[in-house]
Amino acid sequence: MFTSTKSLTSSKRFVGVDAHIAPAEKSGFTEIFGEFDGAQRVDVGIDPYADLKTWTHNQIEAAFLTEMQPFFVQIPTHRALTLAAESAKVQPNSILSKKVCSMQEMSRRNQHFTDSVIRRMTRVSLDCGAINLAQGFPDFDPPKAMTDRLREVSQEGPHQYPITMGAPNFRRAVSRKCGRFMGISIDPDTNIVVTIGSTEAMVDTIFALTNPGDKIVMFSPYFENYRAQAIMADCEPVFVPLVPPSFHFDPEVLEDAFRQHPKAILICNPSNPSGKVFTYEELKFISELCIKYDVYAIMDEVYEHIVYDGRQMVYMASLPGMWERTVSCSSLSKTYSITGWRLGYAIAPQPIMDRIKQYHDFNTVGAASPLMEAAVVGLEMPDEYYREFGDHYAHMKGIFTGGMKDLDIPFTDPEGTYFVLADIAPYMKKGQSDVEFCVEMAQKVGVACVPGSSFFDEDVNHIVRLHFAKKDETLLAALDRLSNLRRIMCG
C-alpha cells in the first residue's frame, strides 16, 4: 500500500517514506538498509524544484519507485513491500538522510537512465540458478595460444603502466589485423588508441566529437549503453526505427533525422540486439547523408566476424569519403572469447584520434599491460582462425534457432551477432511487463533473458533478447527448460 496527500510540503529535496517490510522480504532489505524493527524510514530524492503542494498521489509514488529502483533489484522479490508516504519532512535519524541530506545535490544526468538491465538480469540469473542467456558472454574457453601466453606473461611481465594510448606491439598488431579486414592503411601511432573495452572507446569518442546539446542519431532497437552514453555527454539521442522482421530503415525517416543537424550517427554493425547486418547499399546511403549534412559516423563493430549465410561485413571507414569522418570502435571480447579482459580500441584519422586520446588519457590512463601482451598472439591469428570462428557460431546458431523453431517460439533469425529476439506475447499474463516476465521466467523456467523494452525507443513490451554463445550442452539444456515455457508461464 502506498498512501500520500496533496498537502505534502517541504523546502528540502526529500520526501520521508516509511517502508513496511513483510517478513519474507526482511533479510534482503536488511542487507541494504541495516537492522530495523517494524518500519524503516527512508528519505527519497525528488526534483528539488518540484512544488509538492501540487503533486498527486501517483506522482509521489512514481518518484519513490524511481529513487528506490536500484535497491529493489537487489532484493530477491519485492512484491510484498508496502509503502506509506506520511510526511514530507526529512527524518534526521534515517540512514539516507545521514548519507545524503546534508550534502549538495548530486548529478541529474543519471535520473534519465537506470542501471544496465542486461547486467541486472545476470544478477537475477545467479540468484536463482538460471541458465544465463541474457548477458552475452560465452561459457567456452578462449584460444589456447592466448591463455598459454597469459600464463607466461604472469611470470615475465609487463606489470606496470603501459604507454597511455596502448602498448606499441599491441597497436601494431591491431593495425595489421584491422587493416587487412577493413582494406585500409592504419597507422598504429596516429590512428589507434587502446581502451578498456569498446565501451570506453565509444564514450571517449562521443565526448571527443560532441558538445552539450548536440544530437546523435541512433537506430532503434539499440544497445542499451548508447542512450546512457549520449545522456552522460549531455547529448540528445534521435532515434530512427529499424522495422522488423528484416529490421530495415525508411530512407526518408533517416534523412529527416539528419535534417535536425545532428553531430553524429551511431551504428552497431552487425547490430545488437536485432542481429541485422547492414548491406553495402544501406551503408553507402548513410555515408552519403553523413557527407551531405557534415555528420560524423561512430561505428560499433565488435561483432564484425559473426555474420551468417555468406553475408559480407562492410566497414564504414572503407567507403568513399568516410575515413575522414568515421571512428571505428571494436574490441577483442567477442572475436577471441575474452569478454573479461576488457581490451578494446578506436580507429580514426589523426585529427579525431588526438581528441579521443585526450579523453582516454584522463579517463582510464591505459588498458592492462599483461593482457595486451598476451592478446597479441590472438591478433596475429591467421585467416583460418576467423573461418573456424565463424563456423563455430553458425553451428551454435543452428542448434539454438533450430530448437526455437521446434518449440514454436516466435523469433527473428539473426543475420549476424549471437542474439535472437523472441516474441513472448503468447506467454505473458494480462498486464504483465516484459521485465516482470523475464524475472519470473528466470525463477520458474530457469532461463534468463533480457526484456526488450531496454532496447527500443518505441513502446515495446513483448520482445526479449536471448543469446547463443554457449557450449552445445548449455544450449540443449536451455532448450529443454524452454520446452516448459508455455506450461509454466501460462499455467
Protein backbone atom coordinates (compact mmCIF):
# COMPACT_ATOMS: atom_id res chain seq x y z
CA MET A 1 0.00 0.00 0.00
CA PHE A 2 1.23 3.50 -0.80
CA THR A 3 -0.56 6.49 0.68
CA SER A 4 0.07 10.21 0.31
CA THR A 5 -1.71 13.54 0.47
CA LYS A 6 -1.60 16.71 -1.64
CA SER A 7 -0.74 18.69 1.47
CA LEU A 8 2.82 17.41 1.47
CA THR A 9 5.15 20.41 1.58
CA SER A 10 8.85 20.79 2.03
CA SER A 11 11.61 23.17 1.04
CA LYS A 12 14.02 20.27 1.02
CA ARG A 13 14.76 17.73 -1.65
CA PHE A 14 13.50 14.61 0.10
CA VAL A 15 10.17 13.02 0.93
CA GLY A 16 10.17 10.88 4.06
CA VAL A 17 8.74 7.41 3.42
CA ASP A 18 8.02 4.56 5.81
CA ALA A 19 8.73 1.20 4.17
CA HIS A 20 6.90 -1.60 5.98
CA ILE A 21 8.62 -4.87 5.13
CA ALA A 22 6.87 -8.20 5.14
CA PRO A 23 8.81 -10.99 6.91
CA ALA A 24 9.62 -12.66 3.60
CA GLU A 25 11.41 -9.52 2.46
CA LYS A 26 13.21 -8.65 5.67
CA SER A 27 16.52 -10.42 5.01
CA GLY A 28 17.05 -8.84 1.60
CA PHE A 29 16.02 -5.38 2.79
CA THR A 30 18.18 -5.63 5.91
CA GLU A 31 21.28 -6.26 3.79
CA ILE A 32 20.75 -2.86 2.18
CA PHE A 33 19.41 -0.67 4.96
CA GLY A 34 20.59 -2.39 8.13
CA GLU A 35 18.63 -3.81 11.05
CA PHE A 36 15.24 -2.34 11.84
CA ASP A 37 12.04 -3.13 13.65
CA GLY A 38 8.60 -2.55 12.20
CA ALA A 39 9.09 0.24 9.69
CA GLN A 40 12.22 1.69 8.13
CA ARG A 41 12.29 5.43 7.45
CA VAL A 42 13.75 6.23 4.02
CA ASP A 43 14.26 9.69 2.54
CA VAL A 44 13.57 9.69 -1.19
CA GLY A 45 15.20 12.21 -3.51
CA ILE A 46 12.92 14.16 -5.82
CA ASP A 47 13.22 17.10 -8.17
CA PRO A 48 14.41 19.95 -5.94
CA TYR A 49 12.33 22.43 -7.94
CA ALA A 50 9.10 20.44 -7.71
CA ASP A 51 6.14 22.05 -5.96
CA LEU A 52 4.96 19.28 -3.67
CA LYS A 53 1.71 21.11 -2.98
CA THR A 54 0.55 20.25 -6.48
CA TRP A 55 1.77 16.67 -6.54
CA THR A 56 -0.76 13.86 -6.88
CA HIS A 57 -0.51 10.54 -5.13
CA ASN A 58 0.71 8.92 -8.39
CA GLN A 59 3.48 11.49 -8.83
CA ILE A 60 4.76 10.87 -5.31
CA GLU A 61 4.58 7.13 -5.78
CA ALA A 62 6.44 7.38 -9.10
CA ALA A 63 9.18 9.49 -7.51
CA PHE A 64 9.59 6.95 -4.73
CA LEU A 65 9.74 3.95 -7.04
CA THR A 66 12.21 5.68 -9.37
CA GLU A 67 14.52 6.53 -6.48
CA MET A 68 14.26 3.09 -4.91
CA GLN A 69 14.53 1.04 -8.09
CA PRO A 70 18.30 0.38 -7.76
CA PHE A 71 17.65 -1.01 -4.27
CA PHE A 72 14.65 -3.10 -5.30
CA VAL A 73 16.70 -5.05 -7.85
CA GLN A 74 18.95 -6.25 -5.03
CA ILE A 75 16.02 -7.83 -3.18
CA PRO A 76 15.02 -11.33 -4.44
CA THR A 77 11.34 -10.35 -4.56
CA HIS A 78 9.68 -7.11 -3.57
CA ARG A 79 6.02 -7.67 -4.26
CA ALA A 80 5.29 -7.88 -0.52
CA LEU A 81 6.72 -4.42 0.17
CA THR A 82 4.12 -1.99 1.47
CA LEU A 83 4.92 1.69 1.43
CA ALA A 84 3.39 4.69 3.15
CA ALA A 85 4.34 8.32 2.48
CA GLU A 86 3.26 10.03 5.67
CA SER A 87 5.41 13.13 5.84
CA ALA A 88 7.42 15.45 3.68
CA LYS A 89 9.75 16.28 6.49
CA VAL A 90 13.24 14.89 6.41
CA GLN A 91 13.75 12.47 9.27
CA PRO A 92 17.15 13.38 10.75
CA ASN A 93 17.93 9.89 12.01
CA SER A 94 17.17 7.95 8.85
CA ILE A 95 20.01 6.21 7.06
CA LEU A 96 19.70 8.05 3.75
CA SER A 97 19.33 11.44 5.38
CA LYS A 98 22.61 10.92 7.21
CA LYS A 99 24.32 9.99 3.97
CA VAL A 100 22.76 12.45 1.56
CA CYS A 101 20.59 15.17 3.04
CA SER A 102 23.43 17.23 4.45
CA MET A 103 25.21 17.30 1.10
CA GLN A 104 24.75 19.22 -2.13
CA GLU A 105 22.56 17.88 -4.89
CA MET A 106 24.19 15.16 -6.96
CA SER A 107 24.21 14.98 -10.77
CA ARG A 108 20.83 14.97 -12.50
CA ARG A 109 22.15 13.12 -15.58
CA ASN A 110 21.60 9.61 -14.26
CA GLN A 111 17.98 10.40 -13.39
CA HIS A 112 17.29 9.72 -17.07
CA PHE A 113 18.58 6.15 -17.18
CA THR A 114 18.69 3.14 -14.86
CA ASP A 115 21.36 0.58 -14.17
CA SER A 116 22.03 -1.87 -17.01
CA VAL A 117 19.04 -4.17 -17.41
CA ILE A 118 21.29 -6.73 -19.12
CA ARG A 119 23.68 -6.94 -16.20
CA ARG A 120 20.75 -6.82 -13.76
CA MET A 121 19.39 -9.98 -15.36
CA THR A 122 22.77 -11.65 -14.82
CA ARG A 123 22.36 -10.98 -11.10
CA VAL A 124 18.83 -12.41 -11.21
CA SER A 125 20.21 -15.45 -13.03
CA LEU A 126 22.89 -16.01 -10.41
CA ASP A 127 20.38 -15.62 -7.59
CA CYS A 128 18.03 -18.29 -8.90
CA GLY A 129 20.41 -20.63 -10.74
CA ALA A 130 19.04 -19.93 -14.22
CA ILE A 131 20.98 -20.56 -17.43
CA ASN A 132 22.19 -17.10 -18.37
CA LEU A 133 21.20 -16.34 -21.96
CA ALA A 134 20.85 -12.66 -21.01
CA GLN A 135 24.34 -11.15 -20.86
CA GLY A 136 26.28 -12.03 -23.99
CA PHE A 137 29.38 -13.90 -22.89
CA PRO A 138 30.49 -17.43 -23.81
CA ASP A 139 30.97 -20.37 -21.45
CA PHE A 140 33.78 -21.87 -23.55
CA ASP A 141 37.48 -21.08 -23.40
CA PRO A 142 39.48 -18.50 -25.39
CA PRO A 143 42.07 -19.73 -27.90
CA LYS A 144 44.67 -21.83 -26.08
CA ALA A 145 47.54 -19.82 -27.55
CA MET A 146 46.23 -16.73 -25.74
CA THR A 147 45.77 -18.38 -22.35
CA ASP A 148 49.19 -20.07 -22.65
CA ARG A 149 50.75 -16.70 -23.41
CA LEU A 150 48.89 -15.13 -20.47
CA ARG A 151 50.39 -17.75 -18.17
CA GLU A 152 53.87 -16.82 -19.41
CA VAL A 153 53.20 -13.09 -19.08
CA SER A 154 52.03 -13.54 -15.49
CA GLN A 155 55.62 -14.51 -14.69
CA GLU A 156 57.53 -12.35 -17.17
CA GLY A 157 55.52 -9.13 -17.14
CA PRO A 158 54.90 -6.37 -18.04
CA HIS A 159 53.06 -5.47 -14.86
CA GLN A 160 53.36 -1.68 -14.78
CA TYR A 161 51.61 1.23 -16.50
CA PRO A 162 51.56 0.96 -20.28
CA ILE A 163 52.01 3.83 -22.70
CA THR A 164 48.68 5.65 -22.44
CA MET A 165 47.49 5.01 -25.98
CA GLY A 166 48.35 1.29 -25.70
CA ALA A 167 51.41 -0.95 -25.83
CA PRO A 168 53.26 -0.39 -29.15
CA ASN A 169 53.32 -4.09 -30.10
CA PHE A 170 49.60 -4.39 -29.38
CA ARG A 171 48.78 -1.33 -31.52
CA ARG A 172 50.93 -2.67 -34.35
CA ALA A 173 49.05 -5.98 -34.16
CA VAL A 174 45.69 -4.16 -34.22
CA SER A 175 46.88 -2.12 -37.21
CA ARG A 176 47.87 -5.22 -39.19
CA LYS A 177 44.75 -7.22 -38.34
CA CYS A 178 42.23 -4.40 -38.87
CA GLY A 179 43.98 -3.03 -41.92
CA ARG A 180 43.73 -6.48 -43.50
CA PHE A 181 40.00 -6.85 -42.91
CA MET A 182 39.00 -3.21 -43.42
CA GLY A 183 41.08 -2.80 -46.54
CA ILE A 184 42.64 0.48 -45.43
CA SER A 185 46.02 1.64 -44.16
CA ILE A 186 46.07 2.28 -40.39
CA ASP A 187 48.98 3.98 -38.66
CA PRO A 188 49.49 2.34 -35.22
CA ASP A 189 50.90 5.55 -33.76
CA THR A 190 48.44 8.16 -35.04
CA ASN A 191 45.20 6.24 -35.77
CA ILE A 192 44.73 3.86 -32.80
CA VAL A 193 44.07 4.10 -29.08
CA VAL A 194 43.61 1.03 -26.88
CA THR A 195 40.72 1.31 -24.42
CA ILE A 196 39.01 -0.56 -21.58
CA GLY A 197 36.72 -2.47 -23.91
CA SER A 198 34.79 -0.95 -26.80
CA THR A 199 32.53 0.69 -24.20
CA GLU A 200 35.26 3.13 -23.24
CA ALA A 201 36.13 3.65 -26.90
CA MET A 202 32.54 4.72 -27.55
CA VAL A 203 32.40 7.04 -24.53
CA ASP A 204 35.73 8.68 -25.35
CA THR A 205 34.60 9.17 -28.94
CA ILE A 206 31.28 10.76 -28.00
CA PHE A 207 33.00 13.19 -25.65
CA ALA A 208 35.67 13.95 -28.25
CA LEU A 209 33.20 14.76 -31.03
CA THR A 210 30.24 16.41 -29.31
CA ASN A 211 29.30 19.44 -27.28
CA PRO A 212 26.43 19.65 -24.76
CA GLY A 213 23.13 19.89 -26.62
CA ASP A 214 24.36 18.11 -29.76
CA LYS A 215 22.16 15.40 -31.27
CA ILE A 216 23.23 11.83 -32.04
CA VAL A 217 21.22 9.70 -34.46
CA MET A 218 20.73 6.08 -33.39
CA PHE A 219 18.73 3.18 -34.75
CA SER A 220 16.11 1.52 -32.55
CA PRO A 221 16.41 -1.16 -31.26
CA TYR A 222 19.79 -0.12 -29.88
CA PHE A 223 22.32 -1.49 -27.40
CA GLU A 224 21.27 -0.04 -24.05
CA ASN A 225 24.66 1.60 -23.41
CA TYR A 226 24.27 4.07 -26.27
CA ARG A 227 21.43 6.12 -24.85
CA ALA A 228 23.09 6.38 -21.45
CA GLN A 229 26.41 7.37 -23.05
CA ALA A 230 24.74 10.14 -25.04
CA ILE A 231 22.97 11.47 -21.94
CA MET A 232 26.20 11.43 -19.93
CA ALA A 233 27.68 13.70 -22.60
CA ASP A 234 24.62 15.99 -22.40
CA CYS A 235 23.63 15.00 -25.92
CA GLU A 236 20.16 14.25 -27.27
CA PRO A 237 19.51 10.86 -28.92
CA VAL A 238 17.44 10.97 -32.13
CA PHE A 239 16.01 7.53 -32.82
CA VAL A 240 15.24 6.03 -36.23
CA PRO A 241 13.28 2.76 -36.15
CA LEU A 242 14.56 -0.46 -37.68
CA VAL A 243 11.41 -2.23 -38.85
CA PRO A 244 11.14 -5.96 -38.02
CA PRO A 245 11.41 -8.67 -39.07
CA SER A 246 14.11 -7.58 -41.57
CA PHE A 247 14.98 -4.51 -39.49
CA HIS A 248 15.22 -2.24 -42.50
CA PHE A 249 15.04 1.53 -42.14
CA ASP A 250 12.97 4.05 -44.10
CA PRO A 251 15.47 6.25 -46.01
CA GLU A 252 13.20 9.28 -45.74
CA VAL A 253 12.80 8.88 -41.98
CA LEU A 254 16.57 8.62 -41.65
CA GLU A 255 17.14 11.75 -43.70
CA ASP A 256 14.56 13.57 -41.59
CA ALA A 257 16.79 12.78 -38.61
CA PHE A 258 19.80 14.20 -40.48
CA ARG A 259 17.82 17.34 -41.25
CA GLN A 260 17.84 18.01 -37.49
CA HIS A 261 21.58 18.78 -37.83
CA PRO A 262 22.99 16.02 -35.61
CA LYS A 263 26.68 15.92 -34.77
CA ALA A 264 27.00 12.16 -35.31
CA ILE A 265 25.25 8.92 -36.16
CA LEU A 266 25.99 5.88 -34.01
CA ILE A 267 25.65 2.48 -35.70
CA CYS A 268 26.20 -1.03 -34.37
CA ASN A 269 27.09 -3.30 -37.30
CA PRO A 270 26.36 -6.19 -37.06
CA SER A 271 23.63 -4.91 -34.81
CA ASN A 272 22.95 -5.77 -31.19
CA PRO A 273 20.17 -6.71 -30.40
CA SER A 274 18.47 -7.12 -33.79
CA GLY A 275 21.13 -9.25 -35.48
CA LYS A 276 20.93 -7.03 -38.58
CA VAL A 277 23.95 -6.84 -40.88
CA PHE A 278 23.89 -3.57 -42.80
CA THR A 279 24.34 -4.04 -46.54
CA TYR A 280 26.79 -2.11 -48.70
CA GLU A 281 23.87 -0.22 -50.25
CA GLU A 282 22.49 0.79 -46.85
CA LEU A 283 25.87 1.95 -45.56
CA LYS A 284 26.57 3.78 -48.81
CA PHE A 285 23.29 5.67 -48.43
CA ILE A 286 24.13 6.54 -44.81
CA SER A 287 27.64 7.65 -45.83
CA GLU A 288 26.19 10.00 -48.44
CA LEU A 289 23.95 11.55 -45.79
CA CYS A 290 26.96 11.95 -43.48
CA ILE A 291 28.85 13.82 -46.19
CA LYS A 292 25.84 15.85 -47.28
CA TYR A 293 24.96 17.02 -43.75
CA ASP A 294 28.52 17.02 -42.33
CA VAL A 295 27.89 14.31 -39.73
CA TYR A 296 30.42 12.01 -38.03
CA ALA A 297 29.91 8.22 -38.05
CA ILE A 298 30.59 6.35 -34.80
CA MET A 299 30.72 2.64 -35.58
CA ASP A 300 30.45 -0.17 -33.04
CA GLU A 301 31.85 -3.18 -34.90
CA VAL A 302 32.50 -5.69 -32.11
CA TYR A 303 30.54 -8.42 -33.93
CA GLU A 304 32.43 -7.92 -37.20
CA HIS A 305 33.41 -11.61 -37.51
CA ILE A 306 30.00 -13.06 -36.61
CA VAL A 307 27.97 -12.95 -39.84
CA TYR A 308 25.98 -15.76 -41.42
CA ASP A 309 24.89 -17.24 -44.73
CA GLY A 310 27.58 -15.65 -46.89
CA ARG A 311 26.85 -12.06 -45.89
CA GLN A 312 29.71 -9.60 -46.07
CA MET A 313 30.91 -7.29 -43.31
CA VAL A 314 31.24 -3.79 -44.78
CA TYR A 315 33.30 -1.25 -42.82
CA MET A 316 32.02 2.32 -42.91
CA ALA A 317 35.55 3.75 -42.79
CA SER A 318 36.36 1.99 -46.06
CA LEU A 319 33.63 3.77 -48.06
CA PRO A 320 34.48 6.77 -50.27
CA GLY A 321 34.84 9.99 -48.29
CA MET A 322 34.21 8.33 -44.91
CA TRP A 323 37.66 7.74 -43.44
CA GLU A 324 37.90 11.43 -42.57
CA ARG A 325 34.67 11.40 -40.51
CA THR A 326 34.46 7.84 -39.09
CA VAL A 327 35.52 6.39 -35.76
CA SER A 328 35.62 2.59 -35.79
CA CYS A 329 35.23 1.09 -32.31
CA SER A 330 35.75 -2.59 -31.60
CA SER A 331 37.25 -4.99 -29.09
CA LEU A 332 38.76 -8.42 -28.66
CA SER A 333 35.92 -9.53 -26.36
CA LYS A 334 33.73 -11.32 -28.88
CA THR A 335 36.25 -12.36 -31.54
CA TYR A 336 38.54 -14.13 -29.06
CA SER A 337 36.01 -15.03 -26.34
CA ILE A 338 37.69 -12.84 -23.70
CA THR A 339 34.91 -10.52 -22.56
CA GLY A 340 36.52 -10.22 -19.13
CA TRP A 341 39.87 -8.97 -20.46
CA ARG A 342 38.25 -5.65 -21.40
CA LEU A 343 40.51 -4.85 -24.35
CA GLY A 344 39.03 -2.51 -26.94
CA TYR A 345 40.23 0.12 -29.36
CA ALA A 346 39.18 3.02 -31.51
CA ILE A 347 40.48 3.69 -35.01
CA ALA A 348 40.18 7.17 -36.52
CA PRO A 349 42.03 9.79 -38.59
CA GLN A 350 44.64 11.69 -36.60
CA PRO A 351 42.67 14.94 -36.02
CA ILE A 352 39.86 12.95 -34.37
CA MET A 353 42.16 10.47 -32.70
CA ASP A 354 44.15 13.24 -30.99
CA ARG A 355 40.92 14.35 -29.27
CA ILE A 356 39.93 10.79 -28.33
CA LYS A 357 43.37 10.18 -26.79
CA GLN A 358 42.93 13.21 -24.55
CA TYR A 359 39.73 11.82 -23.01
CA HIS A 360 41.23 8.35 -22.74
CA ASP A 361 44.34 9.70 -21.01
CA PHE A 362 42.42 11.37 -18.20
CA ASN A 363 39.64 8.79 -18.05
CA THR A 364 41.38 5.41 -17.64
CA VAL A 365 45.11 6.10 -18.24
CA GLY A 366 45.58 2.80 -20.04
CA ALA A 367 44.50 -0.79 -20.60
CA ALA A 368 46.01 -3.67 -18.63
CA SER A 369 49.65 -4.23 -19.65
CA PRO A 370 49.81 -8.03 -19.18
CA LEU A 371 46.53 -8.57 -21.03
CA MET A 372 47.67 -6.52 -24.01
CA GLU A 373 50.88 -8.52 -24.15
CA ALA A 374 49.03 -11.85 -24.01
CA ALA A 375 46.45 -10.78 -26.59
CA VAL A 376 48.95 -10.02 -29.34
CA VAL A 377 49.05 -13.71 -30.30
CA GLY A 378 45.29 -13.56 -30.89
CA LEU A 379 45.54 -10.55 -33.15
CA GLU A 380 48.18 -12.41 -35.16
CA MET A 381 45.93 -15.43 -35.81
CA PRO A 382 45.79 -16.49 -39.48
CA ASP A 383 42.65 -16.16 -41.62
CA GLU A 384 41.84 -19.80 -40.89
CA TYR A 385 41.05 -18.86 -37.28
CA TYR A 386 38.34 -16.44 -38.37
CA ARG A 387 36.79 -19.00 -40.72
CA GLU A 388 36.66 -21.59 -37.93
CA PHE A 389 35.35 -18.95 -35.55
CA GLY A 390 32.51 -18.10 -37.94
CA ASP A 391 31.72 -21.76 -38.48
CA HIS A 392 31.51 -22.31 -34.72
CA TYR A 393 28.99 -19.51 -34.31
CA ALA A 394 26.95 -20.77 -37.26
CA HIS A 395 26.88 -24.17 -35.52
CA MET A 396 25.66 -22.67 -32.23
CA LYS A 397 23.08 -20.59 -34.08
CA GLY A 398 21.81 -23.71 -35.83
CA ILE A 399 21.33 -25.54 -32.53
CA PHE A 400 19.52 -22.70 -30.83
CA THR A 401 17.34 -21.37 -33.64
CA GLY A 402 16.51 -24.90 -34.71
CA GLY A 403 15.38 -25.65 -31.18
CA MET A 404 13.34 -22.46 -31.02
CA LYS A 405 11.57 -23.47 -34.23
CA ASP A 406 10.84 -26.95 -32.86
CA LEU A 407 9.32 -25.34 -29.76
CA ASP A 408 7.22 -22.92 -31.84
CA ILE A 409 8.66 -19.91 -30.01
CA PRO A 410 8.39 -16.94 -32.40
CA PHE A 411 11.74 -15.24 -33.05
CA THR A 412 13.69 -13.29 -35.65
CA ASP A 413 16.55 -15.16 -37.33
CA PRO A 414 19.72 -13.05 -36.97
CA GLU A 415 21.94 -12.17 -39.93
CA GLY A 416 24.87 -11.62 -37.57
CA THR A 417 25.84 -11.40 -33.86
CA TYR A 418 24.79 -14.14 -31.43
CA PHE A 419 21.39 -12.77 -30.41
CA VAL A 420 17.81 -13.64 -31.21
CA LEU A 421 14.76 -11.53 -30.42
CA ALA A 422 11.83 -13.68 -29.33
CA ASP A 423 8.15 -12.73 -29.15
CA ILE A 424 6.81 -13.53 -25.68
CA ALA A 425 3.29 -12.16 -26.24
CA PRO A 426 1.76 -15.69 -26.33
CA TYR A 427 3.17 -16.42 -22.87
CA MET A 428 2.53 -13.16 -20.97
CA LYS A 429 -0.14 -12.63 -18.35
CA LYS A 430 -2.55 -9.75 -18.80
CA GLY A 431 -0.93 -6.52 -17.65
CA GLN A 432 2.47 -8.13 -17.14
CA SER A 433 5.55 -6.11 -18.17
CA ASP A 434 8.42 -7.69 -20.05
CA VAL A 435 10.69 -7.00 -17.05
CA GLU A 436 8.33 -8.90 -14.74
CA PHE A 437 8.08 -11.69 -17.30
CA CYS A 438 11.86 -12.06 -17.56
CA VAL A 439 12.33 -12.23 -13.79
CA GLU A 440 9.54 -14.80 -13.46
CA MET A 441 10.90 -16.80 -16.40
CA ALA A 442 14.37 -16.93 -14.84
CA GLN A 443 12.97 -18.01 -11.49
CA LYS A 444 10.41 -20.55 -12.73
CA VAL A 445 11.63 -21.73 -16.16
CA GLY A 446 15.32 -21.44 -15.34
CA VAL A 447 16.45 -19.44 -18.37
CA ALA A 448 17.46 -15.78 -18.14
CA CYS A 449 16.87 -13.33 -21.00
CA VAL A 450 16.73 -9.53 -21.39
CA PRO A 451 13.46 -7.56 -21.61
CA GLY A 452 13.25 -5.87 -24.99
CA SER A 453 11.95 -2.60 -23.59
CA SER A 454 15.54 -1.75 -22.65
CA PHE A 455 16.48 -1.75 -26.36
CA PHE A 456 13.58 0.04 -28.03
CA ASP A 457 12.70 3.71 -28.13
CA GLU A 458 9.24 2.61 -29.25
CA ASP A 459 6.70 1.27 -26.75
CA VAL A 460 7.68 -2.41 -26.99
CA ASN A 461 6.73 -4.78 -24.18
CA HIS A 462 6.53 -8.20 -25.83
CA ILE A 463 10.09 -8.90 -27.02
CA VAL A 464 13.03 -10.48 -25.20
CA ARG A 465 16.66 -10.98 -26.24
CA LEU A 466 18.46 -14.30 -25.81
CA HIS A 467 21.98 -15.22 -26.85
CA PHE A 468 23.53 -18.49 -28.01
CA ALA A 469 27.28 -18.05 -27.37
CA LYS A 470 27.32 -21.22 -25.30
CA LYS A 471 28.52 -24.81 -25.38
CA ASP A 472 26.26 -27.33 -27.11
CA GLU A 473 25.28 -28.88 -23.78
CA THR A 474 24.35 -25.47 -22.35
CA LEU A 475 22.15 -24.63 -25.32
CA LEU A 476 20.46 -28.04 -25.24
CA ALA A 477 19.80 -27.67 -21.51
CA ALA A 478 18.32 -24.21 -22.08
CA LEU A 479 16.08 -25.50 -24.87
CA ASP A 480 14.94 -28.35 -22.63
CA ARG A 481 13.89 -25.82 -19.99
CA LEU A 482 12.24 -23.60 -22.61
CA SER A 483 10.12 -26.58 -23.67
CA ASN A 484 8.18 -25.92 -20.44
CA LEU A 485 7.73 -22.20 -21.16
CA ARG A 486 4.05 -22.28 -22.06
CA ARG A 487 3.06 -24.73 -19.32
CA ILE A 488 4.83 -22.77 -16.59
CA MET A 489 4.18 -19.21 -17.67
CA CYS A 490 0.63 -19.70 -18.89
CA GLY A 491 -0.48 -22.31 -16.37
